[in-house]
């Protein structure tokens, strides 16, 4: 699946973009990715650091709607104002996830949802 994705991005980029076919290679990647993530979760469950990682992933999963909603505005605000390189994208991703989790906790406390 990953090889097919790389091939399509390199050789058929314009065709895929113009006709909305970007998601087709990802269909082939998904089963392998699910298996890999399951194995990673099993390994993390057996280690001491796995507990901390699992808590962060669980918090991000609980706040996925908030992360999704906030990322749109934050990315649109940041992209035209800063040079977007790998470091900027990484910092932006971490900031959006942290902000989404924090936002969810504040809303839960305000409305006593949990």
C-alpha atoms as a PDB file:
ATOM      1  CA  UNK A   1       0.000   0.000   0.000  1.00  0.00           C
ATOM      2  CA  UNK A   2       2.783   2.444   0.866  1.00  0.00           C
ATOM      3  CA  UNK A   3       4.634   1.609  -2.370  1.00  0.00           C
ATOM      4  CA  UNK A   4       1.441   2.188  -4.351  1.00  0.00           C
ATOM      5  CA  UNK A   5       0.914   5.513  -2.604  1.00  0.00           C
ATOM      6  CA  UNK A   6       4.470   6.644  -3.388  1.00  0.00           C
ATOM      7  CA  UNK A   7       4.085   5.526  -7.019  1.00  0.00           C
ATOM      8  CA  UNK A   8       0.789   7.362  -7.411  1.00  0.00           C
ATOM      9  CA  UNK A   9       2.081  10.542  -5.792  1.00  0.00           C
ATOM     10  CA  UNK A  10       5.138  10.550  -8.037  1.00  0.00           C
ATOM     11  CA  UNK A  11       3.668   9.452 -11.361  1.00  0.00           C
ATOM     12  CA  UNK A  12      -0.014  10.339 -11.210  1.00  0.00           C
ATOM     13  CA  UNK A  13      -0.134  13.363  -8.935  1.00  0.00           C
ATOM     14  CA  UNK A  14      -2.051  15.649 -11.299  1.00  0.00           C
ATOM     15  CA  UNK A  15      -4.487  12.920 -12.285  1.00  0.00           C
ATOM     16  CA  UNK A  16      -5.208  11.995  -8.680  1.00  0.00           C
ATOM     17  CA  UNK A  17      -5.655  15.611  -7.593  1.00  0.00           C
ATOM     18  CA  UNK A  18      -7.871  16.662 -10.497  1.00  0.00           C
ATOM     19  CA  UNK A  19     -10.237  13.726 -10.137  1.00  0.00           C
ATOM     20  CA  UNK A  20     -10.378  13.434  -6.346  1.00  0.00           C
ATOM     21  CA  UNK A  21      -8.664  10.058  -6.181  1.00  0.00           C
ATOM     22  CA  UNK A  22      -6.265  10.843  -3.325  1.00  0.00           C
ATOM     23  CA  UNK A  23      -7.949   8.429  -0.944  1.00  0.00           C
ATOM     24  CA  UNK A  24      -7.681   5.261  -3.073  1.00  0.00           C
ATOM     25  CA  UNK A  25      -4.076   4.345  -2.091  1.00  0.00           C
ATOM     26  CA  UNK A  26      -4.950   4.888   1.564  1.00  0.00           C
ATOM     27  CA  UNK A  27      -7.572   2.139   1.339  1.00  0.00           C
ATOM     28  CA  UNK A  28      -4.716  -0.311   0.729  1.00  0.00           C
ATOM     29  CA  UNK A  29      -2.606   1.105   3.565  1.00  0.00           C
ATOM     30  CA  UNK A  30      -5.351   0.961   6.207  1.00  0.00           C
ATOM     31  CA  UNK A  31      -5.380  -2.808   7.029  1.00  0.00           C
ATOM     32  CA  UNK A  32      -1.615  -2.958   7.513  1.00  0.00           C
ATOM     33  CA  UNK A  33      -1.655   0.238   9.541  1.00  0.00           C
ATOM     34  CA  UNK A  34      -4.362  -1.154  11.828  1.00  0.00           C
ATOM     35  CA  UNK A  35      -2.347  -4.330  12.417  1.00  0.00           C
ATOM     36  CA  UNK A  36       0.815  -2.311  13.108  1.00  0.00           C
ATOM     37  CA  UNK A  37      -0.977  -0.029  15.563  1.00  0.00           C
ATOM     38  CA  UNK A  38      -2.496  -3.043  17.318  1.00  0.00           C
ATOM     39  CA  UNK A  39       0.938  -4.638  17.724  1.00  0.00           C
ATOM     40  CA  UNK A  40       2.379  -1.338  18.938  1.00  0.00           C
ATOM     41  CA  UNK A  41      -0.422  -1.035  21.506  1.00  0.00           C
ATOM     42  CA  UNK A  42       0.285  -4.567  22.729  1.00  0.00           C
ATOM     43  CA  UNK A  43       3.998  -3.771  23.144  1.00  0.00           C
ATOM     44  CA  UNK A  44       3.269  -0.486  24.918  1.00  0.00           C
ATOM     45  CA  UNK A  45       0.850  -2.217  27.246  1.00  0.00           C
ATOM     46  CA  UNK A  46       3.683  -4.394  28.544  1.00  0.00           C
ATOM     47  CA  UNK A  47       6.118  -1.527  29.224  1.00  0.00           C
ATOM     48  CA  UNK A  48       6.200   1.092  31.952  1.00  0.00           C
ATOM     49  CA  UNK A  49       6.207   3.990  29.483  1.00  0.00           C
ATOM     50  CA  UNK A  50       3.248   2.425  27.726  1.00  0.00           C
ATOM     51  CA  UNK A  51       0.929   3.597  30.477  1.00  0.00           C
ATOM     52  CA  UNK A  52       1.865   7.252  29.956  1.00  0.00           C
ATOM     53  CA  UNK A  53       1.647   6.943  26.179  1.00  0.00           C
ATOM     54  CA  UNK A  54      -1.717   5.220  26.466  1.00  0.00           C
ATOM     55  CA  UNK A  55      -3.071   8.062  28.648  1.00  0.00           C
ATOM     56  CA  UNK A  56      -2.007  10.685  26.101  1.00  0.00           C
ATOM     57  CA  UNK A  57      -3.473   8.705  23.206  1.00  0.00           C
ATOM     58  CA  UNK A  58      -6.691   8.135  25.158  1.00  0.00           C
ATOM     59  CA  UNK A  59      -6.985  11.854  25.961  1.00  0.00           C
ATOM     60  CA  UNK A  60      -6.414  12.707  22.291  1.00  0.00           C
ATOM     61  CA  UNK A  61      -9.048  10.162  21.302  1.00  0.00           C
ATOM     62  CA  UNK A  62     -11.540  11.628  23.752  1.00  0.00           C
ATOM     63  CA  UNK A  63     -10.833  15.119  22.422  1.00  0.00           C
ATOM     64  CA  UNK A  64     -10.733  14.182  18.729  1.00  0.00           C
ATOM     65  CA  UNK A  65     -13.701  16.379  17.815  1.00  0.00           C
ATOM     66  CA  UNK A  66     -12.198  19.376  19.582  1.00  0.00           C
ATOM     67  CA  UNK A  67      -8.808  18.736  17.969  1.00  0.00           C
ATOM     68  CA  UNK A  68     -10.452  18.483  14.554  1.00  0.00           C
ATOM     69  CA  UNK A  69     -12.443  21.683  14.998  1.00  0.00           C
ATOM     70  CA  UNK A  70      -9.562  23.741  16.406  1.00  0.00           C
ATOM     71  CA  UNK A  71      -7.004  22.537  13.848  1.00  0.00           C
ATOM     72  CA  UNK A  72      -8.942  24.103  10.989  1.00  0.00           C
ATOM     73  CA  UNK A  73      -8.810  27.611  12.417  1.00  0.00           C
ATOM     74  CA  UNK A  74      -5.321  27.364  13.836  1.00  0.00           C
ATOM     75  CA  UNK A  75      -3.810  25.951  10.629  1.00  0.00           C
ATOM     76  CA  UNK A  76      -5.523  28.602   8.508  1.00  0.00           C
ATOM     77  CA  UNK A  77      -4.221  31.319  10.825  1.00  0.00           C
ATOM     78  CA  UNK A  78      -0.632  30.006  10.982  1.00  0.00           C
ATOM     79  CA  UNK A  79       0.013  28.849   7.383  1.00  0.00           C
ATOM     80  CA  UNK A  80       0.116  32.287   5.708  1.00  0.00           C
ATOM     81  CA  UNK A  81       2.110  33.867   8.535  1.00  0.00           C
ATOM     82  CA  UNK A  82       4.974  31.392   9.013  1.00  0.00           C
ATOM     83  CA  UNK A  83       7.287  29.354   6.826  1.00  0.00           C
ATOM     84  CA  UNK A  84       5.889  25.828   6.884  1.00  0.00           C
ATOM     85  CA  UNK A  85       8.671  23.254   7.232  1.00  0.00           C
ATOM     86  CA  UNK A  86       8.844  19.922   9.066  1.00  0.00           C
ATOM     87  CA  UNK A  87       9.617  21.539  12.419  1.00  0.00           C
ATOM     88  CA  UNK A  88       6.780  24.041  12.105  1.00  0.00           C
ATOM     89  CA  UNK A  89       4.301  21.302  11.148  1.00  0.00           C
ATOM     90  CA  UNK A  90       5.411  19.152  14.080  1.00  0.00           C
ATOM     91  CA  UNK A  91       5.155  21.989  16.582  1.00  0.00           C
ATOM     92  CA  UNK A  92       1.793  22.996  15.157  1.00  0.00           C
ATOM     93  CA  UNK A  93       0.486  19.437  15.403  1.00  0.00           C
ATOM     94  CA  UNK A  94       1.609  19.087  19.030  1.00  0.00           C
ATOM     95  CA  UNK A  95       0.131  22.497  19.893  1.00  0.00           C
ATOM     96  CA  UNK A  96      -3.232  21.715  18.287  1.00  0.00           C
ATOM     97  CA  UNK A  97      -3.504  18.339  20.031  1.00  0.00           C
ATOM     98  CA  UNK A  98      -2.566  19.877  23.394  1.00  0.00           C
ATOM     99  CA  UNK A  99      -4.992  22.765  22.865  1.00  0.00           C
ATOM    100  CA  UNK A 100      -7.812  20.382  21.889  1.00  0.00           C
ATOM    101  CA  UNK A 101      -7.273  18.255  24.998  1.00  0.00           C
ATOM    102  CA  UNK A 102      -7.091  21.331  27.240  1.00  0.00           C
ATOM    103  CA  UNK A 103     -10.192  22.830  25.631  1.00  0.00           C
ATOM    104  CA  UNK A 104     -12.173  19.624  26.187  1.00  0.00           C
ATOM    105  CA  UNK A 105     -11.184  19.511  29.859  1.00  0.00           C
ATOM    106  CA  UNK A 106     -12.199  23.150  30.386  1.00  0.00           C
ATOM    107  CA  UNK A 107     -15.578  22.581  28.725  1.00  0.00           C
ATOM    108  CA  UNK A 108     -16.135  19.418  30.773  1.00  0.00           C
ATOM    109  CA  UNK A 109     -15.419  21.281  34.012  1.00  0.00           C
ATOM    110  CA  UNK A 110     -17.581  24.245  33.068  1.00  0.00           C
ATOM    111  CA  UNK A 111     -20.558  22.081  32.248  1.00  0.00           C
ATOM    112  CA  UNK A 112     -19.725  19.292  34.719  1.00  0.00           C
ATOM    113  CA  UNK A 113     -19.972  16.637  32.049  1.00  0.00           C
ATOM    114  CA  UNK A 114     -17.603  14.224  33.740  1.00  0.00           C
END
